[in-house]
Amino acid sequence: MVLESKRQPILESRRKTKMPWMLAGGLWLSIAAAGLSSTPLWGSSCTSEASLQPADRQAILAAGNSIADSVASQKFDQLQASLLPAVLSDWDSIRGAAETAAPILKGGKVYWSDGYLLDATDLKAPADTQFFCSLGDSSVTVTISLRSLPAGRYALLIGDYEGAPLAGQMALILGTDTTAGGKWKLGGLFVREGALDGHDGVWYWSRARELAAKKASWSAWYTYDAARWLLLPVDFVSSPHLEKLNREQSQLGPDPAETLPIAVVGSGANAGKNWRITALHLDTSLHSEDLALVFEGTGLTDPQAERNEAIGVMSAFLKMRPEVRENFHGLWAYAENDGKRSYAVELAMHDIP
């Protein structure tokens, strides 16, 4: 299979906070740009796909294709056999990521759109490492930031599952196994959908701009989050286009989550009741653009009473922020009491009173 670039030049910086619900498994699951020094480590270098030696290209693609097939076909014995020795103890998380990936990749065929050879053989000890990768003949530089990276040769492959209804995306971190003659093996697995409700990241970026122009700042903020989520399956790659998205989002003002907690007041059957919402974030669990909120519960134990309380909080929140009802598919609500969190209640917007 030829590594060909079908992706638009969106390899541009993602937000520097890792979304915790990302499907991922492997050694470097804490990989994120946040907290990394901006000073490059001179023991590291990056070679983009266009400059790869044929032998390296062939070996990396062969390993990537085999691993991608194991994930899509749910061949767990084969997938486990492909792990680097350093991540064998993380097998449960890798298997979980692969199981959750199945419906996202279903019906598609992988096309590797981006690939990088990352050389960190001169590192003296595990270190936070940045690789600066020039894209062929362009002036665009992609930065790949890996945390606590051991010395070695690595590769990053990013691919799209063309034809998959959910427009699945996959990224693999590969490393050479010195105990197996330098064979390329799996160090990290990342999978995301590439579309929500039938729309890709570029569509959500355009929609976020429209909402920003309408001064619907909260809706715009989380729509930018959706755009970023869909543009790449990883959060440790940065580049100029995504930096532009970040700047546009920051111009909206503070992250709504930073304004929390906020108090909401019930109505109807919940008249006179008050709750505090303590967290709010984008949720793609149902492959739709949803929001999830956490509120301070009152310690209810009856399931129906818990559900009624959660719906009351949802309704109160939407009355405070009516723009949200118009621009998202649904809401998730979690009650938190004495450090314990309830099961989520999820409803589409049209089902919330």
Foldseek 3Di string as FASTA:
>chain_A
DDQAAPADPQLAAFDQDDDVVFLKFFDQPVFGPPPDDPDADVLKEKEWPVPDDPVVVVQVVVQVVQLVCCLQVVVLVSQLVQAAPVRNVRSVSNSVSSVLQNLQLPQFDKHFNIKMKMANQPDPFFAFHKYWYDDPPDPKIKIFTTGRHGHFIKMKTKIWGPRRQQRKIKIFIWTFHVVVVGRIGTGMITMDGQAAPRHGLVVLLVVLVVCVVVLLLQLSLQSLVRSSVNSGRDNRMHIRNNVVSVVVNCVSDDHPLVVDFDKFAFDDVRHPDIKTWNGKHFDCSVSWGEMEIEIADPPDDDVVVVLVVQLRVVLRVCVVNVVRLVRTQWYWYWHAYPRDIDDIDIDGSVVRD
